[in-house]
Structures are given as C-alpha cells and as structure tokens.
PDB file of N, CA and C in Angstrom:
ATOM      1  N   MET A   1       2.809 -15.096  48.246  1.00  0.00           N
ATOM      2  CA  MET A   1       3.847 -15.545  47.381  1.00  0.00           C
ATOM      3  C   MET A   1       3.936 -17.047  47.088  1.00  0.00           C
ATOM      4  N   ASP A   2       2.864 -17.694  47.645  1.00  0.00           N
ATOM      5  CA  ASP A   2       2.757 -19.150  47.399  1.00  0.00           C
ATOM      6  C   ASP A   2       2.721 -19.501  45.953  1.00  0.00           C
ATOM      7  N   GLY A   3       3.481 -20.497  45.580  1.00  0.00           N
ATOM      8  CA  GLY A   3       3.474 -20.970  44.167  1.00  0.00           C
ATOM      9  C   GLY A   3       4.354 -20.260  43.267  1.00  0.00           C
ATOM     10  N   VAL A   4       5.008 -19.189  43.652  1.00  0.00           N
ATOM     11  CA  VAL A   4       5.865 -18.487  42.711  1.00  0.00           C
ATOM     12  C   VAL A   4       6.982 -19.364  42.165  1.00  0.00           C
ATOM     13  N   LEU A   5       7.565 -20.198  43.041  1.00  0.00           N
ATOM     14  CA  LEU A   5       8.721 -21.023  42.607  1.00  0.00           C
ATOM     15  C   LEU A   5       8.239 -22.074  41.669  1.00  0.00           C
ATOM     16  N   GLU A   6       6.981 -22.316  41.543  1.00  0.00           N
ATOM     17  CA  GLU A   6       6.448 -23.336  40.657  1.00  0.00           C
ATOM     18  C   GLU A   6       6.049 -22.787  39.288  1.00  0.00           C
ATOM     19  N   LYS A   7       6.159 -21.402  39.128  1.00  0.00           N
ATOM     20  CA  LYS A   7       5.810 -20.823  37.849  1.00  0.00           C
ATOM     21  C   LYS A   7       6.853 -21.282  36.762  1.00  0.00           C
ATOM     22  N   ALA A   8       6.310 -21.463  35.508  1.00  0.00           N
ATOM     23  CA  ALA A   8       7.237 -21.889  34.393  1.00  0.00           C
ATOM     24  C   ALA A   8       8.393 -21.019  34.192  1.00  0.00           C
ATOM     25  N   ALA A   9       8.237 -19.720  34.300  1.00  0.00           N
ATOM     26  CA  ALA A   9       9.418 -18.793  34.060  1.00  0.00           C
ATOM     27  C   ALA A   9      10.461 -18.958  35.156  1.00  0.00           C
ATOM     28  N   VAL A  10       9.958 -19.077  36.400  1.00  0.00           N
ATOM     29  CA  VAL A  10      10.886 -19.283  37.439  1.00  0.00           C
ATOM     30  C   VAL A  10      11.713 -20.633  37.360  1.00  0.00           C
ATOM     31  N   LYS A  11      10.985 -21.665  36.884  1.00  0.00           N
ATOM     32  CA  LYS A  11      11.606 -22.948  36.687  1.00  0.00           C
ATOM     33  C   LYS A  11      12.617 -22.951  35.605  1.00  0.00           C
ATOM     34  N   ARG A  12      12.387 -22.124  34.502  1.00  0.00           N
ATOM     35  CA  ARG A  12      13.363 -21.983  33.361  1.00  0.00           C
ATOM     36  C   ARG A  12      14.576 -21.274  33.931  1.00  0.00           C
ATOM     37  N   VAL A  13      14.423 -20.284  34.703  1.00  0.00           N
ATOM     38  CA  VAL A  13      15.602 -19.567  35.281  1.00  0.00           C
ATOM     39  C   VAL A  13      16.424 -20.616  36.185  1.00  0.00           C
ATOM     40  N   ALA A  14      15.733 -21.273  37.051  1.00  0.00           N
ATOM     41  CA  ALA A  14      16.407 -22.319  37.907  1.00  0.00           C
ATOM     42  C   ALA A  14      17.143 -23.335  37.149  1.00  0.00           C
ATOM     43  N   ALA A  15      16.533 -23.788  36.097  1.00  0.00           N
ATOM     44  CA  ALA A  15      17.131 -24.876  35.221  1.00  0.00           C
ATOM     45  C   ALA A  15      18.401 -24.273  34.592  1.00  0.00           C
ATOM     46  N   ALA A  16      18.316 -23.089  34.044  1.00  0.00           N
ATOM     47  CA  ALA A  16      19.375 -22.429  33.389  1.00  0.00           C
ATOM     48  C   ALA A  16      20.560 -22.239  34.290  1.00  0.00           C
ATOM     49  N   LEU A  17      20.274 -21.803  35.558  1.00  0.00           N
ATOM     50  CA  LEU A  17      21.308 -21.625  36.530  1.00  0.00           C
ATOM     51  C   LEU A  17      22.029 -22.945  36.867  1.00  0.00           C
ATOM     52  N   GLN A  18      21.242 -23.975  36.989  1.00  0.00           N
ATOM     53  CA  GLN A  18      21.785 -25.306  37.289  1.00  0.00           C
ATOM     54  C   GLN A  18      22.603 -25.866  36.175  1.00  0.00           C
ATOM     55  N   GLU A  19      22.077 -25.606  34.914  1.00  0.00           N
ATOM     56  CA  GLU A  19      22.771 -26.048  33.761  1.00  0.00           C
ATOM     57  C   GLU A  19      24.163 -25.453  33.619  1.00  0.00           C
ATOM     58  N   HIS A  20      24.299 -24.216  34.019  1.00  0.00           N
ATOM     59  CA  HIS A  20      25.634 -23.540  33.973  1.00  0.00           C
ATOM     60  C   HIS A  20      26.430 -23.578  35.256  1.00  0.00           C
ATOM     61  N   GLY A  21      26.020 -24.497  36.185  1.00  0.00           N
ATOM     62  CA  GLY A  21      26.734 -24.722  37.341  1.00  0.00           C
ATOM     63  C   GLY A  21      26.689 -23.518  38.373  1.00  0.00           C
ATOM     64  N   CYS A  22      25.663 -22.772  38.408  1.00  0.00           N
ATOM     65  CA  CYS A  22      25.574 -21.616  39.328  1.00  0.00           C
ATOM     66  C   CYS A  22      24.889 -22.066  40.531  1.00  0.00           C
ATOM     67  N   ALA A  23      25.557 -21.940  41.642  1.00  0.00           N
ATOM     68  CA  ALA A  23      25.000 -22.249  42.932  1.00  0.00           C
ATOM     69  C   ALA A  23      24.080 -21.126  43.444  1.00  0.00           C
ATOM     70  N   GLY A  24      23.310 -21.345  44.402  1.00  0.00           N
ATOM     71  CA  GLY A  24      22.447 -20.236  44.996  1.00  0.00           C
ATOM     72  C   GLY A  24      21.072 -20.642  44.947  1.00  0.00           C
ATOM     73  N   GLN A  25      20.237 -19.656  45.295  1.00  0.00           N
ATOM     74  CA  GLN A  25      18.757 -19.834  45.265  1.00  0.00           C
ATOM     75  C   GLN A  25      18.087 -18.650  44.760  1.00  0.00           C
ATOM     76  N   ILE A  26      16.865 -18.854  44.261  1.00  0.00           N
ATOM     77  CA  ILE A  26      15.986 -17.796  43.803  1.00  0.00           C
ATOM     78  C   ILE A  26      15.343 -17.200  45.042  1.00  0.00           C
ATOM     79  N   LYS A  27      15.354 -15.871  45.116  1.00  0.00           N
ATOM     80  CA  LYS A  27      14.745 -15.205  46.262  1.00  0.00           C
ATOM     81  C   LYS A  27      13.475 -14.553  45.900  1.00  0.00           C
ATOM     82  N   VAL A  28      12.401 -14.872  46.515  1.00  0.00           N
ATOM     83  CA  VAL A  28      11.031 -14.353  46.288  1.00  0.00           C
ATOM     84  C   VAL A  28      10.869 -13.092  47.187  1.00  0.00           C
ATOM     85  N   LEU A  29      10.551 -12.026  46.600  1.00  0.00           N
ATOM     86  CA  LEU A  29      10.435 -10.770  47.249  1.00  0.00           C
ATOM     87  C   LEU A  29       8.923 -10.509  47.580  1.00  0.00           C
ATOM     88  N   SER A  30       8.676  -9.931  48.752  1.00  0.00           N
ATOM     89  CA  SER A  30       7.327  -9.694  49.204  1.00  0.00           C
ATOM     90  C   SER A  30       6.849  -8.292  48.641  1.00  0.00           C
ATOM     91  N   ASP A  31       7.726  -7.406  48.290  1.00  0.00           N
ATOM     92  CA  ASP A  31       7.441  -6.199  47.756  1.00  0.00           C
ATOM     93  C   ASP A  31       7.581  -6.248  46.220  1.00  0.00           C
ATOM     94  N   SER A  32       6.988  -5.209  45.575  1.00  0.00           N
ATOM     95  CA  SER A  32       7.131  -5.077  44.091  1.00  0.00           C
ATOM     96  C   SER A  32       8.551  -4.760  43.722  1.00  0.00           C
ATOM     97  N   ALA A  33       8.979  -5.358  42.652  1.00  0.00           N
ATOM     98  CA  ALA A  33      10.436  -5.068  42.244  1.00  0.00           C
ATOM     99  C   ALA A  33      10.418  -4.983  40.647  1.00  0.00           C
ATOM    100  N   ARG A  34       9.480  -4.209  40.129  1.00  0.00           N
ATOM    101  CA  ARG A  34       9.452  -4.051  38.701  1.00  0.00           C
ATOM    102  C   ARG A  34      10.380  -3.005  38.134  1.00  0.00           C
ATOM    103  N   THR A  35      11.097  -2.310  38.952  1.00  0.00           N
ATOM    104  CA  THR A  35      12.070  -1.350  38.565  1.00  0.00           C
ATOM    105  C   THR A  35      13.377  -1.694  39.347  1.00  0.00           C
ATOM    106  N   ALA A  36      14.460  -1.174  38.852  1.00  0.00           N
ATOM    107  CA  ALA A  36      15.745  -1.433  39.579  1.00  0.00           C
ATOM    108  C   ALA A  36      15.678  -0.740  40.980  1.00  0.00           C
ATOM    109  N   ALA A  37      15.016   0.403  41.044  1.00  0.00           N
ATOM    110  CA  ALA A  37      14.926   1.115  42.360  1.00  0.00           C
ATOM    111  C   ALA A  37      14.065   0.227  43.369  1.00  0.00           C
ATOM    112  N   GLU A  38      12.965  -0.325  42.911  1.00  0.00           N
ATOM    113  CA  GLU A  38      12.196  -1.186  43.696  1.00  0.00           C
ATOM    114  C   GLU A  38      12.909  -2.396  44.098  1.00  0.00           C
ATOM    115  N   ALA A  39      13.639  -3.048  43.268  1.00  0.00           N
ATOM    116  CA  ALA A  39      14.404  -4.291  43.511  1.00  0.00           C
ATOM    117  C   ALA A  39      15.479  -3.908  44.563  1.00  0.00           C
ATOM    118  N   ALA A  40      16.184  -2.911  44.337  1.00  0.00           N
ATOM    119  CA  ALA A  40      17.269  -2.491  45.278  1.00  0.00           C
ATOM    120  C   ALA A  40      16.611  -2.264  46.705  1.00  0.00           C
ATOM    121  N   ALA A  41      15.541  -1.574  46.818  1.00  0.00           N
ATOM    122  CA  ALA A  41      14.886  -1.254  48.026  1.00  0.00           C
ATOM    123  C   ALA A  41      14.495  -2.566  48.763  1.00  0.00           C
ATOM    124  N   ALA A  42      13.869  -3.475  47.986  1.00  0.00           N
ATOM    125  CA  ALA A  42      13.433  -4.796  48.497  1.00  0.00           C
ATOM    126  C   ALA A  42      14.573  -5.588  49.042  1.00  0.00           C
ATOM    127  N   LEU A  43      15.732  -5.477  48.415  1.00  0.00           N
ATOM    128  CA  LEU A  43      16.869  -6.318  48.837  1.00  0.00           C
ATOM    129  C   LEU A  43      17.783  -5.537  49.833  1.00  0.00           C
ATOM    130  N   GLY A  44      17.546  -4.226  50.017  1.00  0.00           N
ATOM    131  CA  GLY A  44      18.365  -3.521  50.954  1.00  0.00           C
ATOM    132  C   GLY A  44      19.759  -3.228  50.407  1.00  0.00           C
ATOM    133  N   ILE A  45      19.768  -3.011  49.057  1.00  0.00           N
ATOM    134  CA  ILE A  45      21.138  -2.706  48.423  1.00  0.00           C
ATOM    135  C   ILE A  45      20.989  -1.506  47.563  1.00  0.00           C
ATOM    136  N   GLU A  46      22.178  -1.008  46.988  1.00  0.00           N
ATOM    137  CA  GLU A  46      22.218   0.119  46.145  1.00  0.00           C
ATOM    138  C   GLU A  46      21.632  -0.169  44.784  1.00  0.00           C
ATOM    139  N   VAL A  47      21.009   0.757  44.140  1.00  0.00           N
ATOM    140  CA  VAL A  47      20.449   0.600  42.809  1.00  0.00           C
ATOM    141  C   VAL A  47      21.582   0.089  41.809  1.00  0.00           C
ATOM    142  N   GLY A  48      22.753   0.605  41.928  1.00  0.00           N
ATOM    143  CA  GLY A  48      23.888   0.189  41.071  1.00  0.00           C
ATOM    144  C   GLY A  48      24.273  -1.250  41.210  1.00  0.00           C
ATOM    145  N   GLN A  49      23.800  -1.960  42.217  1.00  0.00           N
ATOM    146  CA  GLN A  49      24.030  -3.406  42.383  1.00  0.00           C
ATOM    147  C   GLN A  49      23.034  -4.218  41.711  1.00  0.00           C
ATOM    148  N   ILE A  50      21.985  -3.638  41.176  1.00  0.00           N
ATOM    149  CA  ILE A  50      20.965  -4.360  40.442  1.00  0.00           C
ATOM    150  C   ILE A  50      21.344  -4.438  38.897  1.00  0.00           C
ATOM    151  N   ALA A  51      21.152  -5.569  38.275  1.00  0.00           N
ATOM    152  CA  ALA A  51      21.381  -5.676  36.871  1.00  0.00           C
ATOM    153  C   ALA A  51      20.042  -5.617  36.170  1.00  0.00           C
ATOM    154  N   SER A  52      19.924  -4.626  35.223  1.00  0.00           N
ATOM    155  CA  SER A  52      18.671  -4.514  34.474  1.00  0.00           C
ATOM    156  C   SER A  52      18.818  -5.309  33.157  1.00  0.00           C
ATOM    157  N   SER A  53      17.879  -6.030  32.780  1.00  0.00           N
ATOM    158  CA  SER A  53      17.788  -6.704  31.524  1.00  0.00           C
ATOM    159  C   SER A  53      16.825  -6.001  30.639  1.00  0.00           C
ATOM    160  N   LEU A  54      17.423  -5.368  29.581  1.00  0.00           N
ATOM    161  CA  LEU A  54      16.618  -4.567  28.600  1.00  0.00           C
ATOM    162  C   LEU A  54      16.597  -5.170  27.315  1.00  0.00           C
ATOM    163  N   ILE A  55      15.485  -5.222  26.680  1.00  0.00           N
ATOM    164  CA  ILE A  55      15.274  -5.861  25.359  1.00  0.00           C
ATOM    165  C   ILE A  55      14.948  -4.756  24.319  1.00  0.00           C
ATOM    166  N   PHE A  56      15.775  -4.919  23.172  1.00  0.00           N
ATOM    167  CA  PHE A  56      15.470  -4.105  21.997  1.00  0.00           C
ATOM    168  C   PHE A  56      15.324  -4.996  20.837  1.00  0.00           C
ATOM    169  N   LYS A  57      14.973  -4.453  19.742  1.00  0.00           N
ATOM    170  CA  LYS A  57      14.636  -5.244  18.431  1.00  0.00           C
ATOM    171  C   LYS A  57      15.754  -4.784  17.391  1.00  0.00           C
ATOM    172  N   LEU A  58      16.376  -5.799  16.860  1.00  0.00           N
ATOM    173  CA  LEU A  58      17.332  -5.542  15.800  1.00  0.00           C
ATOM    174  C   LEU A  58      16.564  -5.441  14.417  1.00  0.00           C
ATOM    175  N   PRO A  59      17.176  -4.874  13.464  1.00  0.00           N
ATOM    176  CA  PRO A  59      16.475  -4.691  12.157  1.00  0.00           C
ATOM    177  C   PRO A  59      15.878  -5.954  11.523  1.00  0.00           C
ATOM    178  N   ASP A  60      16.459  -7.145  11.845  1.00  0.00           N
ATOM    179  CA  ASP A  60      15.845  -8.393  11.281  1.00  0.00           C
ATOM    180  C   ASP A  60      14.747  -8.911  12.200  1.00  0.00           C
ATOM    181  N   GLY A  61      14.375  -8.192  13.223  1.00  0.00           N
ATOM    182  CA  GLY A  61      13.232  -8.543  14.125  1.00  0.00           C
ATOM    183  C   GLY A  61      13.656  -9.387  15.258  1.00  0.00           C
ATOM    184  N   SER A  62      14.915  -9.775  15.366  1.00  0.00           N
ATOM    185  CA  SER A  62      15.344 -10.544  16.484  1.00  0.00           C
ATOM    186  C   SER A  62      15.660  -9.779  17.788  1.00  0.00           C
ATOM    187  N   PRO A  63      15.541 -10.304  18.928  1.00  0.00           N
ATOM    188  CA  PRO A  63      15.725  -9.488  20.184  1.00  0.00           C
ATOM    189  C   PRO A  63      17.219  -9.237  20.457  1.00  0.00           C
ATOM    190  N   LEU A  64      17.496  -8.187  21.036  1.00  0.00           N
ATOM    191  CA  LEU A  64      18.847  -7.871  21.544  1.00  0.00           C
ATOM    192  C   LEU A  64      18.699  -7.673  23.020  1.00  0.00           C
ATOM    193  N   LEU A  65      19.443  -8.408  23.858  1.00  0.00           N
ATOM    194  CA  LEU A  65      19.422  -8.272  25.336  1.00  0.00           C
ATOM    195  C   LEU A  65      20.641  -7.445  25.720  1.00  0.00           C
ATOM    196  N   ILE A  66      20.362  -6.345  26.415  1.00  0.00           N
ATOM    197  CA  ILE A  66      21.471  -5.558  27.011  1.00  0.00           C
ATOM    198  C   ILE A  66      21.268  -5.560  28.480  1.00  0.00           C
ATOM    199  N   ILE A  67      22.309  -5.926  29.208  1.00  0.00           N
ATOM    200  CA  ILE A  67      22.314  -5.983  30.684  1.00  0.00           C
ATOM    201  C   ILE A  67      23.218  -4.791  31.144  1.00  0.00           C
ATOM    202  N   THR A  68      22.589  -3.991  32.003  1.00  0.00           N
ATOM    203  CA  THR A  68      23.247  -2.845  32.505  1.00  0.00           C
ATOM    204  C   THR A  68      23.000  -2.671  33.973  1.00  0.00           C
ATOM    205  N   SER A  69      23.798  -1.903  34.655  1.00  0.00           N
ATOM    206  CA  SER A  69      23.554  -1.545  36.050  1.00  0.00           C
ATOM    207  C   SER A  69      22.199  -0.799  36.193  1.00  0.00           C
ATOM    208  N   GLY A  70      21.504  -1.073  37.241  1.00  0.00           N
ATOM    209  CA  GLY A  70      20.296  -0.390  37.437  1.00  0.00           C
ATOM    210  C   GLY A  70      20.499   1.153  37.567  1.00  0.00           C
ATOM    211  N   ARG A  71      21.636   1.595  37.736  1.00  0.00           N
ATOM    212  CA  ARG A  71      21.923   3.005  37.939  1.00  0.00           C
ATOM    213  C   ARG A  71      22.154   3.689  36.582  1.00  0.00           C
ATOM    214  N   HIS A  72      22.341   2.962  35.500  1.00  0.00           N
ATOM    215  CA  HIS A  72      22.710   3.507  34.240  1.00  0.00           C
ATOM    216  C   HIS A  72      21.612   3.333  33.222  1.00  0.00           C
ATOM    217  N   ARG A  73      21.724   4.244  32.232  1.00  0.00           N
ATOM    218  CA  ARG A  73      20.724   4.115  31.106  1.00  0.00           C
ATOM    219  C   ARG A  73      21.573   3.697  29.855  1.00  0.00           C
ATOM    220  N   VAL A  74      20.945   2.982  28.931  1.00  0.00           N
ATOM    221  CA  VAL A  74      21.647   2.565  27.712  1.00  0.00           C
ATOM    222  C   VAL A  74      21.619   3.679  26.688  1.00  0.00           C
ATOM    223  N   ASP A  75      22.778   3.942  26.121  1.00  0.00           N
ATOM    224  CA  ASP A  75      22.924   4.909  25.013  1.00  0.00           C
ATOM    225  C   ASP A  75      22.583   4.082  23.776  1.00  0.00           C
ATOM    226  N   THR A  76      21.257   4.056  23.298  1.00  0.00           N
ATOM    227  CA  THR A  76      20.879   3.242  22.218  1.00  0.00           C
ATOM    228  C   THR A  76      21.501   3.730  20.892  1.00  0.00           C
ATOM    229  N   ASP A  77      21.838   5.044  20.837  1.00  0.00           N
ATOM    230  CA  ASP A  77      22.507   5.469  19.568  1.00  0.00           C
ATOM    231  C   ASP A  77      23.876   4.923  19.433  1.00  0.00           C
ATOM    232  N   LEU A  78      24.642   4.851  20.564  1.00  0.00           N
ATOM    233  CA  LEU A  78      25.996   4.258  20.623  1.00  0.00           C
ATOM    234  C   LEU A  78      25.941   2.782  20.318  1.00  0.00           C
ATOM    235  N   VAL A  79      25.049   2.183  20.869  1.00  0.00           N
ATOM    236  CA  VAL A  79      24.912   0.670  20.703  1.00  0.00           C
ATOM    237  C   VAL A  79      24.634   0.367  19.213  1.00  0.00           C
ATOM    238  N   ALA A  80      23.678   1.103  18.633  1.00  0.00           N
ATOM    239  CA  ALA A  80      23.326   0.902  17.262  1.00  0.00           C
ATOM    240  C   ALA A  80      24.556   1.235  16.322  1.00  0.00           C
ATOM    241  N   SER A  81      25.324   2.291  16.697  1.00  0.00           N
ATOM    242  CA  SER A  81      26.473   2.572  15.908  1.00  0.00           C
ATOM    243  C   SER A  81      27.486   1.490  15.976  1.00  0.00           C
ATOM    244  N   ASN A  82      27.724   1.013  17.176  1.00  0.00           N
ATOM    245  CA  ASN A  82      28.673  -0.136  17.359  1.00  0.00           C
ATOM    246  C   ASN A  82      28.233  -1.422  16.605  1.00  0.00           C
ATOM    247  N   LEU A  83      26.931  -1.559  16.475  1.00  0.00           N
ATOM    248  CA  LEU A  83      26.468  -2.757  15.759  1.00  0.00           C
ATOM    249  C   LEU A  83      26.391  -2.498  14.236  1.00  0.00           C
ATOM    250  N   GLY A  84      26.616  -1.342  13.777  1.00  0.00           N
ATOM    251  CA  GLY A  84      26.577  -0.982  12.389  1.00  0.00           C
ATOM    252  C   GLY A  84      25.149  -0.913  11.824  1.00  0.00           C
ATOM    253  N   ILE A  85      24.194  -0.605  12.717  1.00  0.00           N
ATOM    254  CA  ILE A  85      22.802  -0.407  12.270  1.00  0.00           C
ATOM    255  C   ILE A  85      22.323   0.990  12.509  1.00  0.00           C
ATOM    256  N   GLU A  86      21.245   1.425  11.896  1.00  0.00           N
ATOM    257  CA  GLU A  86      20.744   2.818  12.052  1.00  0.00           C
ATOM    258  C   GLU A  86      20.217   3.050  13.514  1.00  0.00           C
ATOM    259  N   LYS A  87      19.397   2.208  13.992  1.00  0.00           N
ATOM    260  CA  LYS A  87      18.920   2.331  15.307  1.00  0.00           C
ATOM    261  C   LYS A  87      18.337   1.103  15.896  1.00  0.00           C
ATOM    262  N   LEU A  88      18.236   1.030  17.243  1.00  0.00           N
ATOM    263  CA  LEU A  88      17.568  -0.094  17.853  1.00  0.00           C
ATOM    264  C   LEU A  88      16.140   0.132  17.919  1.00  0.00           C
ATOM    265  N   GLY A  89      15.367  -0.980  17.702  1.00  0.00           N
ATOM    266  CA  GLY A  89      13.943  -0.856  17.642  1.00  0.00           C
ATOM    267  C   GLY A  89      13.399  -0.961  19.142  1.00  0.00           C
ATOM    268  N   ARG A  90      12.297  -0.191  19.367  1.00  0.00           N
ATOM    269  CA  ARG A  90      11.697  -0.242  20.677  1.00  0.00           C
ATOM    270  C   ARG A  90      10.751  -1.474  20.635  1.00  0.00           C
ATOM    271  N   VAL A  91      10.472  -2.059  21.785  1.00  0.00           N
ATOM    272  CA  VAL A  91       9.575  -3.230  21.833  1.00  0.00           C
ATOM    273  C   VAL A  91       8.427  -2.949  22.841  1.00  0.00           C
ATOM    274  N   ASP A  92       7.392  -3.743  22.629  1.00  0.00           N
ATOM    275  CA  ASP A  92       6.176  -3.575  23.523  1.00  0.00           C
ATOM    276  C   ASP A  92       6.114  -4.874  24.381  1.00  0.00           C
ATOM    277  N   ALA A  93       5.193  -4.796  25.276  1.00  0.00           N
ATOM    278  CA  ALA A  93       5.033  -5.910  26.256  1.00  0.00           C
ATOM    279  C   ALA A  93       4.762  -7.240  25.584  1.00  0.00           C
ATOM    280  N   ASP A  94       4.026  -7.316  24.462  1.00  0.00           N
ATOM    281  CA  ASP A  94       3.819  -8.564  23.857  1.00  0.00           C
ATOM    282  C   ASP A  94       5.061  -9.132  23.261  1.00  0.00           C
ATOM    283  N   TYR A  95       5.880  -8.317  22.638  1.00  0.00           N
ATOM    284  CA  TYR A  95       7.206  -8.740  22.039  1.00  0.00           C
ATOM    285  C   TYR A  95       8.056  -9.276  23.107  1.00  0.00           C
ATOM    286  N   VAL A  96       8.187  -8.605  24.240  1.00  0.00           N
ATOM    287  CA  VAL A  96       9.019  -9.065  25.356  1.00  0.00           C
ATOM    288  C   VAL A  96       8.605 -10.450  25.741  1.00  0.00           C
ATOM    289  N   LYS A  97       7.255 -10.589  26.072  1.00  0.00           N
ATOM    290  CA  LYS A  97       6.749 -11.845  26.535  1.00  0.00           C
ATOM    291  C   LYS A  97       6.930 -13.021  25.541  1.00  0.00           C
ATOM    292  N   GLU A  98       6.718 -12.625  24.193  1.00  0.00           N
ATOM    293  CA  GLU A  98       6.851 -13.681  23.119  1.00  0.00           C
ATOM    294  C   GLU A  98       8.295 -14.102  23.055  1.00  0.00           C
ATOM    295  N   GLN A  99       9.222 -13.248  23.071  1.00  0.00           N
ATOM    296  CA  GLN A  99      10.626 -13.523  22.853  1.00  0.00           C
ATOM    297  C   GLN A  99      11.329 -14.131  24.075  1.00  0.00           C
ATOM    298  N   SER A 100      10.986 -13.561  25.337  1.00  0.00           N
ATOM    299  CA  SER A 100      11.731 -14.012  26.493  1.00  0.00           C
ATOM    300  C   SER A 100      10.927 -14.943  27.338  1.00  0.00           C
ATOM    301  N   GLY A 101       9.589 -14.847  27.259  1.00  0.00           N
ATOM    302  CA  GLY A 101       8.827 -15.631  28.225  1.00  0.00           C
ATOM    303  C   GLY A 101       8.600 -14.910  29.542  1.00  0.00           C
ATOM    304  N   PHE A 102       9.070 -13.750  29.629  1.00  0.00           N
ATOM    305  CA  PHE A 102       8.895 -12.903  30.922  1.00  0.00           C
ATOM    306  C   PHE A 102       8.114 -11.698  30.633  1.00  0.00           C
ATOM    307  N   SER A 103       7.460 -11.106  31.657  1.00  0.00           N
ATOM    308  CA  SER A 103       6.783  -9.863  31.538  1.00  0.00           C
ATOM    309  C   SER A 103       7.776  -8.712  31.754  1.00  0.00           C
ATOM    310  N   ILE A 104       7.431  -7.523  31.179  1.00  0.00           N
ATOM    311  CA  ILE A 104       8.224  -6.350  31.353  1.00  0.00           C
ATOM    312  C   ILE A 104       8.346  -6.069  32.889  1.00  0.00           C
ATOM    313  N   GLY A 105       9.488  -5.791  33.265  1.00  0.00           N
ATOM    314  CA  GLY A 105       9.732  -5.583  34.736  1.00  0.00           C
ATOM    315  C   GLY A 105      10.250  -6.812  35.460  1.00  0.00           C
ATOM    316  N   GLY A 106      10.226  -7.912  34.780  1.00  0.00           N
ATOM    317  CA  GLY A 106      10.676  -9.249  35.358  1.00  0.00           C
ATOM    318  C   GLY A 106      11.439 -10.034  34.430  1.00  0.00           C
ATOM    319  N   VAL A 107      12.115  -9.404  33.489  1.00  0.00           N
ATOM    320  CA  VAL A 107      12.978 -10.150  32.497  1.00  0.00           C
ATOM    321  C   VAL A 107      14.269 -10.602  33.085  1.00  0.00           C
ATOM    322  N   ALA A 108      14.414 -11.903  33.175  1.00  0.00           N
ATOM    323  CA  ALA A 108      15.736 -12.486  33.532  1.00  0.00           C
ATOM    324  C   ALA A 108      16.604 -12.536  32.369  1.00  0.00           C
ATOM    325  N   PRO A 109      18.000 -12.455  32.590  1.00  0.00           N
ATOM    326  CA  PRO A 109      18.906 -12.576  31.502  1.00  0.00           C
ATOM    327  C   PRO A 109      19.119 -13.960  30.999  1.00  0.00           C
ATOM    328  N   ILE A 110      18.577 -14.990  31.671  1.00  0.00           N
ATOM    329  CA  ILE A 110      18.667 -16.373  31.255  1.00  0.00           C
ATOM    330  C   ILE A 110      17.315 -17.054  31.402  1.00  0.00           C
ATOM    331  N   GLY A 111      17.187 -18.225  30.815  1.00  0.00           N
ATOM    332  CA  GLY A 111      15.920 -18.896  30.807  1.00  0.00           C
ATOM    333  C   GLY A 111      14.908 -18.441  29.817  1.00  0.00           C
ATOM    334  N   TRP A 112      15.351 -17.851  28.767  1.00  0.00           N
ATOM    335  CA  TRP A 112      14.436 -17.362  27.729  1.00  0.00           C
ATOM    336  C   TRP A 112      13.817 -18.504  26.950  1.00  0.00           C
ATOM    337  N   VAL A 113      12.632 -18.260  26.367  1.00  0.00           N
ATOM    338  CA  VAL A 113      11.943 -19.265  25.610  1.00  0.00           C
ATOM    339  C   VAL A 113      12.508 -19.295  24.186  1.00  0.00           C
ATOM    340  N   SER A 114      13.180 -18.223  23.788  1.00  0.00           N
ATOM    341  CA  SER A 114      13.936 -18.216  22.466  1.00  0.00           C
ATOM    342  C   SER A 114      15.208 -17.499  22.663  1.00  0.00           C
ATOM    343  N   PRO A 115      16.238 -17.847  21.926  1.00  0.00           N
ATOM    344  CA  PRO A 115      17.566 -17.211  22.098  1.00  0.00           C
ATOM    345  C   PRO A 115      17.648 -15.757  21.756  1.00  0.00           C
ATOM    346  N   ALA A 116      18.429 -14.991  22.451  1.00  0.00           N
ATOM    347  CA  ALA A 116      18.616 -13.527  22.184  1.00  0.00           C
ATOM    348  C   ALA A 116      19.976 -13.297  21.862  1.00  0.00           C
ATOM    349  N   THR A 117      20.293 -12.175  21.097  1.00  0.00           N
ATOM    350  CA  THR A 117      21.613 -11.823  20.726  1.00  0.00           C
ATOM    351  C   THR A 117      22.311 -11.103  21.827  1.00  0.00           C
TER     352      THR A 117
END
C-alpha cells in the first residue's frame, strides 16, 4: 500500500475535504474494496453504512453523480422521470475515468477532475 496517499486521485480527495473544512483522514485498506460489500467487510461495518458513488450520463453527455447507501439500488427510471428525461445513460470505464478521474469501483463523491451534476 506504499505510495497510495501520494496518488493524484487521493490528493484531490484530500484537498477537497480540506477545502470544505472536513476533518479526518483517508484510510488505506489492505483488502480489495471495489464493491460496497467488500468495503464494508474491510471496515468491519454494515453494507448500509457504505455510500456508493454511481455515475450516469445525462442526455447532453454530462455526468450525473448519484450517492446511495451500499445496500440500495438506484431506480434509474424514477430518477429519469424526476429529471424530466427519457432515461439515464449507462457509462463505461473510460467515461468514468475521463469525467471523475477515478476508476470504476473507486469513485469518490468529491475531488473530480470535472464537475458533476
């Protein structure tokens, strides 16, 4: 796990936390945590205590970030209806990396390389 705290993505998250006055520290896990279940197991907490950052594409091509409990699934039809659009677009790993600066499974809700809705 050496050098993880020096990665650009981790530094962006740390800077965003500091900018917004959030105290605390970034915890580096020794186990894989690419899913809410894996993150909960690594932290010794319930899946519902994990926040999942999910990215979708709006009709204009911009990203939409939805944060939900790791225990829940997003009703994309309901979200689209509430936004007055036909449907939310699915995204691939390249889109996620390009928009957020993070890899799928490790998307933070802050510290993005470009703004999200």
